[in-house]
N, C-alpha and C. Protein backbone atom coordinates (compact mmCIF):
# COMPACT_ATOMS: atom_id res chain seq x y z
N MET A 1 0.84 -1.19 0.00
CA MET A 1 0.00 0.00 0.00
C MET A 1 0.87 1.24 0.00
N ASN A 2 0.48 2.23 -0.80
CA ASN A 2 1.19 3.51 -0.86
C ASN A 2 0.32 4.54 -0.15
N VAL A 3 0.86 5.11 0.93
CA VAL A 3 0.11 6.04 1.77
C VAL A 3 0.71 7.43 1.67
N LEU A 4 -0.15 8.42 1.44
CA LEU A 4 0.28 9.82 1.47
C LEU A 4 -0.01 10.38 2.86
N ILE A 5 1.01 10.94 3.50
CA ILE A 5 0.86 11.52 4.83
C ILE A 5 1.02 13.03 4.74
N ILE A 6 -0.05 13.74 5.05
CA ILE A 6 -0.06 15.20 5.05
C ILE A 6 0.33 15.68 6.44
N GLY A 7 1.19 16.71 6.50
CA GLY A 7 1.66 17.19 7.80
C GLY A 7 2.71 16.28 8.39
N ALA A 8 3.58 15.77 7.52
CA ALA A 8 4.52 14.72 7.91
C ALA A 8 5.64 15.21 8.83
N THR A 9 5.83 16.52 8.95
CA THR A 9 6.90 17.02 9.83
C THR A 9 6.38 17.44 11.19
N GLY A 10 5.07 17.32 11.42
CA GLY A 10 4.52 17.63 12.74
C GLY A 10 4.72 16.48 13.70
N GLY A 11 4.29 16.67 14.95
CA GLY A 11 4.50 15.65 15.97
C GLY A 11 3.84 14.33 15.64
N THR A 12 2.57 14.36 15.30
CA THR A 12 1.88 13.12 14.91
C THR A 12 2.36 12.65 13.55
N GLY A 13 2.61 13.58 12.64
CA GLY A 13 3.04 13.23 11.29
C GLY A 13 4.32 12.42 11.27
N ARG A 14 5.29 12.81 12.09
CA ARG A 14 6.56 12.06 12.14
C ARG A 14 6.33 10.64 12.63
N GLN A 15 5.45 10.50 13.60
CA GLN A 15 5.12 9.16 14.09
C GLN A 15 4.42 8.35 13.02
N LEU A 16 3.53 8.99 12.27
CA LEU A 16 2.85 8.29 11.18
C LEU A 16 3.83 7.78 10.14
N VAL A 17 4.79 8.61 9.77
CA VAL A 17 5.77 8.22 8.76
C VAL A 17 6.59 7.02 9.24
N SER A 18 7.16 7.13 10.43
CA SER A 18 8.03 6.06 10.91
C SER A 18 7.26 4.76 11.15
N GLN A 19 6.05 4.86 11.72
CA GLN A 19 5.29 3.64 11.99
C GLN A 19 4.75 3.01 10.70
N ALA A 20 4.39 3.83 9.73
CA ALA A 20 3.92 3.28 8.44
C ALA A 20 5.04 2.52 7.76
N LEU A 21 6.24 3.04 7.82
CA LEU A 21 7.39 2.35 7.23
C LEU A 21 7.65 1.03 7.97
N GLU A 22 7.51 1.06 9.30
CA GLU A 22 7.69 -0.17 10.09
C GLU A 22 6.69 -1.24 9.69
N ARG A 23 5.51 -0.81 9.26
CA ARG A 23 4.46 -1.76 8.85
C ARG A 23 4.65 -2.24 7.42
N GLY A 24 5.64 -1.72 6.74
CA GLY A 24 5.93 -2.18 5.38
C GLY A 24 5.27 -1.38 4.28
N TYR A 25 4.61 -0.26 4.61
CA TYR A 25 3.96 0.55 3.60
C TYR A 25 4.97 1.38 2.81
N ARG A 26 4.60 1.73 1.60
CA ARG A 26 5.30 2.77 0.88
C ARG A 26 4.69 4.09 1.32
N VAL A 27 5.53 5.07 1.62
CA VAL A 27 5.06 6.32 2.20
C VAL A 27 5.49 7.50 1.34
N THR A 28 4.54 8.36 1.04
CA THR A 28 4.84 9.66 0.44
C THR A 28 4.55 10.71 1.50
N ALA A 29 5.57 11.46 1.90
CA ALA A 29 5.43 12.48 2.93
C ALA A 29 5.27 13.85 2.26
N PHE A 30 4.14 14.49 2.52
CA PHE A 30 3.86 15.80 1.94
C PHE A 30 4.32 16.86 2.93
N VAL A 31 5.29 17.67 2.53
CA VAL A 31 5.90 18.64 3.45
C VAL A 31 6.16 19.96 2.72
N ARG A 32 6.14 21.05 3.48
CA ARG A 32 6.51 22.34 2.91
C ARG A 32 8.03 22.47 2.83
N ASN A 33 8.71 21.98 3.86
CA ASN A 33 10.17 22.08 3.92
C ASN A 33 10.77 20.68 4.08
N PRO A 34 11.29 20.10 3.00
CA PRO A 34 11.84 18.73 3.08
C PRO A 34 12.97 18.58 4.09
N HIS A 35 13.69 19.67 4.39
CA HIS A 35 14.82 19.58 5.32
C HIS A 35 14.37 19.28 6.75
N LYS A 36 13.08 19.50 7.03
CA LYS A 36 12.58 19.23 8.38
C LYS A 36 12.31 17.75 8.61
N LEU A 37 12.31 16.97 7.55
CA LEU A 37 12.12 15.52 7.69
C LEU A 37 13.45 14.85 7.41
N THR A 38 14.14 14.46 8.47
CA THR A 38 15.49 13.92 8.34
C THR A 38 15.50 12.41 8.08
N LEU A 39 14.39 11.75 8.32
CA LEU A 39 14.32 10.30 8.11
C LEU A 39 14.50 9.96 6.63
N ARG A 40 15.29 8.93 6.37
CA ARG A 40 15.48 8.45 5.00
C ARG A 40 15.21 6.95 4.97
N HIS A 41 14.54 6.51 3.92
CA HIS A 41 14.19 5.10 3.81
C HIS A 41 13.91 4.79 2.34
N GLU A 42 14.17 3.57 1.92
CA GLU A 42 13.98 3.20 0.52
C GLU A 42 12.51 3.23 0.10
N ARG A 43 11.60 3.11 1.07
CA ARG A 43 10.17 3.17 0.75
C ARG A 43 9.54 4.53 1.07
N LEU A 44 10.38 5.53 1.34
CA LEU A 44 9.89 6.86 1.66
C LEU A 44 10.19 7.84 0.54
N SER A 45 9.14 8.50 0.04
CA SER A 45 9.29 9.56 -0.96
C SER A 45 8.84 10.88 -0.36
N ILE A 46 9.46 11.96 -0.79
CA ILE A 46 9.12 13.28 -0.30
C ILE A 46 8.40 14.05 -1.40
N ALA A 47 7.24 14.62 -1.07
CA ALA A 47 6.51 15.49 -2.00
C ALA A 47 6.47 16.88 -1.37
N GLN A 48 7.18 17.81 -1.96
CA GLN A 48 7.22 19.17 -1.43
C GLN A 48 6.02 19.96 -1.94
N GLY A 49 5.34 20.66 -1.04
CA GLY A 49 4.20 21.45 -1.46
C GLY A 49 3.54 22.14 -0.29
N ASN A 50 2.41 22.73 -0.57
CA ASN A 50 1.63 23.47 0.42
C ASN A 50 0.16 23.09 0.22
N VAL A 51 -0.54 22.77 1.28
CA VAL A 51 -1.93 22.33 1.13
C VAL A 51 -2.82 23.41 0.52
N LEU A 52 -2.38 24.68 0.58
CA LEU A 52 -3.16 25.76 -0.02
C LEU A 52 -2.86 25.93 -1.50
N ASP A 53 -1.89 25.18 -1.99
CA ASP A 53 -1.53 25.20 -3.42
C ASP A 53 -2.05 23.89 -4.03
N TYR A 54 -3.21 23.97 -4.70
CA TYR A 54 -3.87 22.76 -5.18
C TYR A 54 -2.98 21.95 -6.12
N ARG A 55 -2.20 22.61 -6.95
CA ARG A 55 -1.34 21.88 -7.90
C ARG A 55 -0.44 20.89 -7.19
N THR A 56 0.18 21.34 -6.10
CA THR A 56 1.12 20.47 -5.39
C THR A 56 0.39 19.35 -4.67
N VAL A 57 -0.81 19.64 -4.17
CA VAL A 57 -1.61 18.60 -3.51
C VAL A 57 -2.01 17.53 -4.51
N GLU A 58 -2.49 17.95 -5.67
CA GLU A 58 -2.93 16.99 -6.69
C GLU A 58 -1.77 16.11 -7.15
N ALA A 59 -0.60 16.72 -7.33
CA ALA A 59 0.56 15.95 -7.76
C ALA A 59 0.92 14.87 -6.74
N ALA A 60 0.78 15.19 -5.45
CA ALA A 60 1.13 14.24 -4.40
C ALA A 60 0.11 13.11 -4.28
N VAL A 61 -1.17 13.41 -4.55
CA VAL A 61 -2.24 12.44 -4.41
C VAL A 61 -2.21 11.37 -5.50
N GLN A 62 -1.74 11.72 -6.67
CA GLN A 62 -1.76 10.78 -7.79
C GLN A 62 -0.99 9.50 -7.46
N GLY A 63 -1.66 8.37 -7.63
CA GLY A 63 -1.00 7.08 -7.49
C GLY A 63 -0.99 6.51 -6.08
N VAL A 64 -1.54 7.22 -5.09
CA VAL A 64 -1.55 6.66 -3.74
C VAL A 64 -2.84 5.88 -3.50
N ASP A 65 -2.83 5.05 -2.46
CA ASP A 65 -4.00 4.24 -2.13
C ASP A 65 -4.85 4.84 -1.02
N ALA A 66 -4.23 5.67 -0.19
CA ALA A 66 -4.95 6.29 0.93
C ALA A 66 -4.21 7.55 1.35
N VAL A 67 -4.95 8.45 1.99
CA VAL A 67 -4.37 9.69 2.50
C VAL A 67 -4.62 9.77 4.00
N ILE A 68 -3.56 10.06 4.75
CA ILE A 68 -3.68 10.29 6.18
C ILE A 68 -3.24 11.72 6.46
N SER A 69 -4.11 12.49 7.10
CA SER A 69 -3.81 13.90 7.36
C SER A 69 -3.61 14.16 8.84
N ALA A 70 -2.44 14.70 9.17
CA ALA A 70 -2.16 15.21 10.51
C ALA A 70 -1.83 16.70 10.38
N LEU A 71 -2.59 17.35 9.52
CA LEU A 71 -2.34 18.75 9.20
C LEU A 71 -2.56 19.62 10.43
N GLY A 72 -1.64 20.56 10.63
CA GLY A 72 -1.76 21.50 11.74
C GLY A 72 -0.90 22.72 11.47
N HIS A 73 -0.99 23.69 12.35
CA HIS A 73 -0.13 24.88 12.25
C HIS A 73 -0.13 25.57 13.60
N LYS A 74 0.64 26.66 13.73
CA LYS A 74 0.75 27.36 15.01
C LYS A 74 0.23 28.79 14.92
N ARG A 75 -0.61 29.09 13.95
CA ARG A 75 -1.20 30.42 13.85
C ARG A 75 -2.50 30.44 14.66
N TRP A 76 -2.34 30.41 15.97
CA TRP A 76 -3.49 30.23 16.86
C TRP A 76 -4.27 31.50 17.13
N PHE A 77 -3.63 32.66 17.05
CA PHE A 77 -4.24 33.88 17.56
C PHE A 77 -4.93 34.72 16.50
N LEU A 78 -4.88 34.31 15.24
CA LEU A 78 -5.50 35.06 14.16
C LEU A 78 -6.43 34.14 13.36
N PRO A 79 -7.47 34.69 12.77
CA PRO A 79 -8.35 33.86 11.93
C PRO A 79 -7.56 33.17 10.83
N SER A 80 -7.86 31.91 10.58
CA SER A 80 -7.14 31.14 9.58
C SER A 80 -8.07 30.12 8.94
N THR A 81 -7.82 29.82 7.67
CA THR A 81 -8.57 28.77 6.97
C THR A 81 -7.63 27.71 6.43
N ILE A 82 -6.44 27.63 6.99
CA ILE A 82 -5.44 26.69 6.49
C ILE A 82 -5.96 25.25 6.56
N LEU A 83 -6.54 24.88 7.69
CA LEU A 83 -7.01 23.51 7.87
C LEU A 83 -8.18 23.20 6.96
N SER A 84 -9.17 24.09 6.93
CA SER A 84 -10.37 23.83 6.14
C SER A 84 -10.10 23.92 4.64
N GLU A 85 -9.42 24.96 4.20
CA GLU A 85 -9.16 25.10 2.77
C GLU A 85 -8.14 24.07 2.29
N GLY A 86 -7.15 23.78 3.13
CA GLY A 86 -6.19 22.73 2.77
C GLY A 86 -6.87 21.39 2.63
N THR A 87 -7.79 21.09 3.55
CA THR A 87 -8.52 19.82 3.49
C THR A 87 -9.44 19.79 2.27
N ARG A 88 -10.02 20.92 1.91
CA ARG A 88 -10.85 20.97 0.71
C ARG A 88 -10.02 20.61 -0.52
N ASN A 89 -8.80 21.11 -0.59
CA ASN A 89 -7.91 20.78 -1.71
C ASN A 89 -7.57 19.29 -1.73
N ILE A 90 -7.33 18.73 -0.55
CA ILE A 90 -7.02 17.31 -0.46
C ILE A 90 -8.18 16.47 -0.97
N LEU A 91 -9.39 16.80 -0.52
CA LEU A 91 -10.58 16.05 -0.92
C LEU A 91 -10.84 16.16 -2.42
N THR A 92 -10.68 17.37 -2.94
CA THR A 92 -10.89 17.57 -4.38
C THR A 92 -9.92 16.73 -5.19
N ALA A 93 -8.65 16.72 -4.79
CA ALA A 93 -7.64 15.93 -5.50
C ALA A 93 -7.93 14.44 -5.39
N MET A 94 -8.36 14.00 -4.21
CA MET A 94 -8.67 12.58 -4.02
C MET A 94 -9.83 12.15 -4.91
N GLU A 95 -10.88 12.96 -4.97
CA GLU A 95 -12.02 12.62 -5.81
C GLU A 95 -11.61 12.57 -7.29
N ARG A 96 -10.79 13.52 -7.69
CA ARG A 96 -10.38 13.57 -9.09
C ARG A 96 -9.57 12.35 -9.49
N HIS A 97 -8.77 11.82 -8.57
CA HIS A 97 -7.89 10.70 -8.91
C HIS A 97 -8.36 9.37 -8.34
N GLY A 98 -9.59 9.32 -7.83
CA GLY A 98 -10.16 8.05 -7.41
C GLY A 98 -9.55 7.46 -6.16
N VAL A 99 -9.00 8.30 -5.29
CA VAL A 99 -8.46 7.83 -4.01
C VAL A 99 -9.55 8.01 -2.96
N ARG A 100 -10.04 6.92 -2.40
CA ARG A 100 -11.25 7.00 -1.58
C ARG A 100 -11.00 7.07 -0.08
N ARG A 101 -9.89 6.55 0.41
CA ARG A 101 -9.71 6.41 1.86
C ARG A 101 -8.97 7.59 2.46
N LEU A 102 -9.63 8.28 3.41
CA LEU A 102 -9.04 9.40 4.12
C LEU A 102 -9.15 9.17 5.62
N ILE A 103 -8.05 9.36 6.32
CA ILE A 103 -8.04 9.33 7.78
C ILE A 103 -7.47 10.66 8.23
N CYS A 104 -8.24 11.42 9.01
CA CYS A 104 -7.85 12.79 9.34
C CYS A 104 -7.88 13.01 10.85
N GLU A 105 -6.80 13.56 11.37
CA GLU A 105 -6.70 13.92 12.79
C GLU A 105 -7.26 15.32 13.01
N THR A 106 -8.21 15.46 13.96
CA THR A 106 -8.67 16.78 14.36
C THR A 106 -8.41 16.92 15.87
N SER A 107 -9.45 16.97 16.69
CA SER A 107 -9.23 17.09 18.13
C SER A 107 -10.49 16.77 18.91
N LEU A 108 -10.31 16.21 20.08
CA LEU A 108 -11.39 16.15 21.05
C LEU A 108 -11.81 17.59 21.36
N GLY A 109 -13.09 17.80 21.56
CA GLY A 109 -13.59 19.16 21.77
C GLY A 109 -14.24 19.75 20.54
N ILE A 110 -14.23 18.98 19.44
CA ILE A 110 -14.82 19.43 18.18
C ILE A 110 -16.18 18.76 17.98
N GLY A 111 -17.10 19.47 17.35
CA GLY A 111 -18.39 18.87 16.99
C GLY A 111 -19.16 18.39 18.21
N ASP A 112 -19.67 17.15 18.15
CA ASP A 112 -20.47 16.65 19.26
C ASP A 112 -19.63 16.22 20.45
N SER A 113 -18.30 16.41 20.38
CA SER A 113 -17.44 16.17 21.55
C SER A 113 -17.07 17.49 22.23
N ARG A 114 -17.72 18.58 21.83
CA ARG A 114 -17.41 19.89 22.40
C ARG A 114 -17.63 19.87 23.91
N GLY A 115 -16.66 20.44 24.63
CA GLY A 115 -16.73 20.50 26.09
C GLY A 115 -16.04 19.36 26.79
N ARG A 116 -15.71 18.29 26.06
CA ARG A 116 -15.17 17.10 26.72
C ARG A 116 -13.64 17.06 26.72
N LEU A 117 -13.01 18.23 26.53
CA LEU A 117 -11.56 18.30 26.67
C LEU A 117 -11.18 18.80 28.06
N GLY A 118 -12.15 18.89 28.94
CA GLY A 118 -11.90 19.29 30.33
C GLY A 118 -12.08 20.78 30.56
N VAL A 119 -12.23 21.15 31.82
CA VAL A 119 -12.49 22.55 32.20
C VAL A 119 -11.40 23.49 31.71
N TYR A 120 -10.15 23.12 31.90
CA TYR A 120 -9.04 24.01 31.56
C TYR A 120 -9.06 24.40 30.09
N TYR A 121 -9.21 23.43 29.21
CA TYR A 121 -9.21 23.72 27.77
C TYR A 121 -10.53 24.35 27.33
N THR A 122 -11.65 23.87 27.86
CA THR A 122 -12.95 24.37 27.43
C THR A 122 -13.17 25.83 27.79
N PHE A 123 -12.72 26.24 28.98
CA PHE A 123 -13.02 27.58 29.46
C PHE A 123 -11.83 28.55 29.41
N PHE A 124 -10.63 28.04 29.19
CA PHE A 124 -9.47 28.93 29.19
C PHE A 124 -8.67 28.86 27.89
N VAL A 125 -8.16 27.68 27.56
CA VAL A 125 -7.28 27.57 26.40
C VAL A 125 -8.02 27.85 25.09
N ILE A 126 -9.13 27.16 24.86
CA ILE A 126 -9.84 27.32 23.58
C ILE A 126 -10.41 28.73 23.40
N PRO A 127 -11.10 29.30 24.39
CA PRO A 127 -11.65 30.65 24.16
C PRO A 127 -10.59 31.74 24.02
N PHE A 128 -9.46 31.61 24.71
CA PHE A 128 -8.50 32.71 24.76
C PHE A 128 -7.22 32.48 23.96
N MET A 129 -6.91 31.24 23.60
CA MET A 129 -5.66 30.97 22.89
C MET A 129 -5.87 30.32 21.53
N THR A 130 -6.74 29.35 21.44
CA THR A 130 -6.87 28.56 20.21
C THR A 130 -8.27 28.65 19.60
N TYR A 131 -8.99 29.74 19.88
CA TYR A 131 -10.36 29.88 19.40
C TYR A 131 -10.44 29.75 17.89
N PHE A 132 -9.63 30.53 17.15
CA PHE A 132 -9.69 30.51 15.69
C PHE A 132 -9.24 29.16 15.13
N TYR A 133 -8.26 28.56 15.79
CA TYR A 133 -7.74 27.26 15.37
C TYR A 133 -8.84 26.20 15.47
N PHE A 134 -9.56 26.20 16.58
CA PHE A 134 -10.62 25.22 16.77
C PHE A 134 -11.82 25.48 15.85
N ARG A 135 -12.10 26.76 15.57
CA ARG A 135 -13.19 27.04 14.63
C ARG A 135 -12.83 26.53 13.23
N ASP A 136 -11.56 26.64 12.87
CA ASP A 136 -11.14 26.12 11.57
C ASP A 136 -11.20 24.60 11.56
N LYS A 137 -10.89 23.97 12.69
CA LYS A 137 -11.05 22.52 12.79
C LYS A 137 -12.52 22.11 12.63
N GLU A 138 -13.41 22.92 13.19
CA GLU A 138 -14.85 22.65 13.02
C GLU A 138 -15.21 22.67 11.54
N ARG A 139 -14.74 23.70 10.82
CA ARG A 139 -15.02 23.79 9.39
C ARG A 139 -14.39 22.63 8.64
N GLN A 140 -13.19 22.24 9.06
CA GLN A 140 -12.50 21.11 8.45
C GLN A 140 -13.34 19.84 8.55
N GLU A 141 -13.88 19.57 9.74
CA GLU A 141 -14.72 18.38 9.93
C GLU A 141 -16.00 18.46 9.10
N GLU A 142 -16.60 19.65 9.03
CA GLU A 142 -17.82 19.82 8.24
C GLU A 142 -17.57 19.51 6.77
N ILE A 143 -16.45 19.99 6.25
CA ILE A 143 -16.11 19.74 4.84
C ILE A 143 -15.92 18.25 4.60
N ILE A 144 -15.23 17.57 5.52
CA ILE A 144 -15.01 16.13 5.38
C ILE A 144 -16.33 15.38 5.43
N SER A 145 -17.21 15.75 6.35
CA SER A 145 -18.46 15.03 6.53
C SER A 145 -19.38 15.13 5.32
N LEU A 146 -19.20 16.17 4.51
CA LEU A 146 -20.01 16.34 3.30
C LEU A 146 -19.40 15.63 2.10
N SER A 147 -18.23 15.07 2.28
CA SER A 147 -17.53 14.39 1.19
C SER A 147 -18.11 12.99 0.96
N PRO A 148 -18.11 12.51 -0.28
CA PRO A 148 -18.55 11.15 -0.56
C PRO A 148 -17.47 10.10 -0.28
N LEU A 149 -16.29 10.54 0.16
CA LEU A 149 -15.17 9.62 0.34
C LEU A 149 -15.35 8.77 1.60
N ASP A 150 -14.51 7.73 1.70
CA ASP A 150 -14.52 6.83 2.86
C ASP A 150 -13.60 7.40 3.94
N TYR A 151 -14.12 8.30 4.73
CA TYR A 151 -13.30 9.01 5.71
C TYR A 151 -13.46 8.42 7.11
N THR A 152 -12.44 8.65 7.92
CA THR A 152 -12.53 8.46 9.37
C THR A 152 -11.88 9.68 10.00
N ILE A 153 -12.60 10.36 10.88
CA ILE A 153 -12.07 11.51 11.61
C ILE A 153 -11.63 11.01 12.99
N VAL A 154 -10.39 11.30 13.34
CA VAL A 154 -9.84 10.86 14.62
C VAL A 154 -9.67 12.08 15.52
N ARG A 155 -10.32 12.05 16.69
CA ARG A 155 -10.29 13.18 17.63
C ARG A 155 -9.50 12.79 18.88
N PRO A 156 -8.20 13.07 18.91
CA PRO A 156 -7.42 12.73 20.09
C PRO A 156 -7.63 13.72 21.23
N GLY A 157 -7.39 13.24 22.45
CA GLY A 157 -7.33 14.15 23.58
C GLY A 157 -6.08 15.00 23.49
N GLN A 158 -5.73 15.68 24.58
CA GLN A 158 -4.54 16.52 24.58
C GLN A 158 -3.31 15.67 24.26
N LEU A 159 -2.55 16.10 23.26
CA LEU A 159 -1.44 15.29 22.76
C LEU A 159 -0.20 15.42 23.63
N THR A 160 0.49 14.29 23.81
CA THR A 160 1.76 14.26 24.54
C THR A 160 2.82 13.58 23.67
N ASN A 161 4.05 13.64 24.12
CA ASN A 161 5.15 12.98 23.40
C ASN A 161 5.54 11.65 24.05
N GLY A 162 4.61 11.05 24.75
CA GLY A 162 4.88 9.77 25.40
C GLY A 162 5.13 8.64 24.41
N ARG A 163 5.61 7.53 24.93
CA ARG A 163 5.93 6.38 24.10
C ARG A 163 4.65 5.69 23.63
N LYS A 164 4.79 4.88 22.60
CA LYS A 164 3.66 4.09 22.11
C LYS A 164 3.41 2.93 23.05
N ARG A 165 2.22 2.88 23.62
CA ARG A 165 1.84 1.78 24.50
C ARG A 165 0.97 0.77 23.78
N GLY A 166 0.22 1.24 22.79
CA GLY A 166 -0.66 0.34 22.04
C GLY A 166 -1.94 0.00 22.78
N THR A 167 -2.12 0.58 23.97
CA THR A 167 -3.36 0.39 24.73
C THR A 167 -3.98 1.76 24.95
N TYR A 168 -5.17 1.92 24.46
CA TYR A 168 -5.87 3.19 24.59
C TYR A 168 -7.36 2.93 24.42
N ARG A 169 -8.15 3.94 24.73
CA ARG A 169 -9.60 3.82 24.60
C ARG A 169 -10.07 4.65 23.42
N TYR A 170 -11.04 4.15 22.72
CA TYR A 170 -11.59 4.92 21.60
C TYR A 170 -13.08 4.66 21.50
N GLY A 171 -13.79 5.65 21.00
CA GLY A 171 -15.23 5.54 20.87
C GLY A 171 -15.84 6.91 20.61
N ALA A 172 -17.14 6.98 20.65
CA ALA A 172 -17.84 8.21 20.29
C ALA A 172 -18.05 9.14 21.47
N ASN A 173 -18.06 8.63 22.69
CA ASN A 173 -18.48 9.46 23.82
C ASN A 173 -17.45 9.52 24.93
N LEU A 174 -16.18 9.51 24.57
CA LEU A 174 -15.12 9.58 25.57
C LEU A 174 -14.74 11.03 25.86
N GLY A 175 -13.80 11.21 26.78
CA GLY A 175 -13.41 12.55 27.22
C GLY A 175 -14.07 12.86 28.54
N SER A 176 -13.86 14.07 29.03
CA SER A 176 -14.40 14.46 30.32
C SER A 176 -14.73 15.94 30.31
N TYR A 177 -15.85 16.30 30.94
CA TYR A 177 -16.20 17.71 31.07
C TYR A 177 -15.36 18.40 32.14
N PHE A 178 -14.65 17.62 32.95
CA PHE A 178 -13.88 18.18 34.06
C PHE A 178 -12.38 18.03 33.88
N LEU A 179 -11.92 16.81 33.63
CA LEU A 179 -10.49 16.54 33.53
C LEU A 179 -10.02 16.56 32.08
N THR A 180 -8.75 16.87 31.88
CA THR A 180 -8.17 16.86 30.54
C THR A 180 -7.63 15.46 30.25
N ARG A 181 -8.22 14.76 29.29
CA ARG A 181 -7.76 13.44 28.90
C ARG A 181 -6.64 13.59 27.87
N THR A 182 -5.61 12.78 28.00
CA THR A 182 -4.45 12.88 27.12
C THR A 182 -4.26 11.61 26.31
N ILE A 183 -3.37 11.71 25.34
CA ILE A 183 -3.00 10.56 24.50
C ILE A 183 -1.69 10.89 23.83
N SER A 184 -0.79 9.93 23.71
CA SER A 184 0.49 10.20 23.06
C SER A 184 0.32 10.25 21.55
N ARG A 185 1.14 11.07 20.93
CA ARG A 185 1.11 11.16 19.46
C ARG A 185 1.44 9.81 18.82
N SER A 186 2.30 9.05 19.47
CA SER A 186 2.67 7.75 18.92
C SER A 186 1.48 6.78 18.95
N ASP A 187 0.65 6.85 19.99
CA ASP A 187 -0.54 5.99 20.04
C ASP A 187 -1.60 6.48 19.05
N VAL A 188 -1.70 7.79 18.87
CA VAL A 188 -2.63 8.32 17.87
C VAL A 188 -2.24 7.82 16.48
N ALA A 189 -0.95 7.86 16.17
CA ALA A 189 -0.47 7.38 14.87
C ALA A 189 -0.78 5.89 14.71
N ASP A 190 -0.58 5.12 15.76
CA ASP A 190 -0.88 3.69 15.72
C ASP A 190 -2.35 3.45 15.39
N PHE A 191 -3.24 4.19 16.06
CA PHE A 191 -4.67 4.03 15.82
C PHE A 191 -5.05 4.46 14.41
N MET A 192 -4.49 5.58 13.94
CA MET A 192 -4.82 6.06 12.60
C MET A 192 -4.39 5.05 11.54
N LEU A 193 -3.22 4.48 11.69
CA LEU A 193 -2.75 3.49 10.73
C LEU A 193 -3.59 2.22 10.78
N ASN A 194 -4.08 1.88 11.96
CA ASN A 194 -4.96 0.70 12.07
C ASN A 194 -6.22 0.85 11.23
N GLN A 195 -6.65 2.10 11.01
CA GLN A 195 -7.88 2.33 10.26
C GLN A 195 -7.76 1.96 8.79
N LEU A 196 -6.53 1.81 8.31
CA LEU A 196 -6.33 1.42 6.91
C LEU A 196 -6.83 0.01 6.64
N SER A 197 -6.95 -0.79 7.68
CA SER A 197 -7.33 -2.19 7.48
C SER A 197 -8.68 -2.53 8.11
N THR A 198 -9.48 -1.51 8.41
CA THR A 198 -10.81 -1.77 8.98
C THR A 198 -11.80 -0.72 8.50
N ASP A 199 -13.06 -1.14 8.42
CA ASP A 199 -14.15 -0.21 8.07
C ASP A 199 -15.00 0.12 9.29
N LYS A 200 -14.53 -0.24 10.47
CA LYS A 200 -15.32 -0.10 11.69
C LYS A 200 -15.77 1.34 11.92
N HIS A 201 -14.89 2.30 11.62
CA HIS A 201 -15.21 3.71 11.88
C HIS A 201 -15.39 4.50 10.59
N LEU A 202 -15.83 3.81 9.56
CA LEU A 202 -16.01 4.46 8.26
C LEU A 202 -17.09 5.54 8.36
N ARG A 203 -16.76 6.71 7.84
CA ARG A 203 -17.65 7.88 7.81
C ARG A 203 -18.13 8.24 9.22
N LYS A 204 -17.21 8.13 10.18
CA LYS A 204 -17.51 8.48 11.57
C LYS A 204 -16.36 9.31 12.14
N ALA A 205 -16.67 10.00 13.25
CA ALA A 205 -15.65 10.68 14.05
C ALA A 205 -15.49 9.89 15.33
N VAL A 206 -14.25 9.54 15.66
CA VAL A 206 -13.99 8.70 16.83
C VAL A 206 -12.98 9.38 17.75
N VAL A 207 -13.26 9.38 19.03
CA VAL A 207 -12.38 9.96 20.04
C VAL A 207 -11.38 8.91 20.50
N ILE A 208 -10.14 9.33 20.76
CA ILE A 208 -9.14 8.42 21.29
C ILE A 208 -8.41 9.09 22.46
N VAL A 209 -8.35 8.39 23.60
CA VAL A 209 -7.67 8.89 24.80
C VAL A 209 -6.95 7.72 25.45
N SER A 210 -5.99 8.04 26.30
CA SER A 210 -5.25 6.98 26.99
C SER A 210 -6.04 6.44 28.17
């Protein structure tokens, strides 16, 4: 299987690349700056581009079997459409080239999981630090949900850099209105890659926490 990984130089993206290679997949890593991805492997290809530049997205999508998106950015304090418009470009390119499987990382606290990232994030972090970022994630999920593709939206709790344990909880109604539930990026990557071989969460949004 040839997998395109969007956001391959981010925290989850790096885990996705390395774990996908460990599983024997061919990996195309879509990155703005190739120098930020130091990993080299015979089954790893680099596609340089920007999700807001449709030409580069389309070129990367051609010939792959599935797309995994860990797209993110750090422009938290200003209105942004990077996530939503970038995802729209990804979906358009996938439909044009007949690539049906999409697995996309968003966040706990989005959509019908709103409020379940705990008091600290719900009442302090999201309203005052990441408001625009989370609103763009909301639009990103809406765009995906209207797509005819075979998508799975993965909503992790607060991300950490912990080791991969391979044991975590996932489902539709996890999280907490009081406490902040966490999950390591390595376990999120493990779960996202597992979705390539199952239809259990097809066209659904699923929460994952440790």
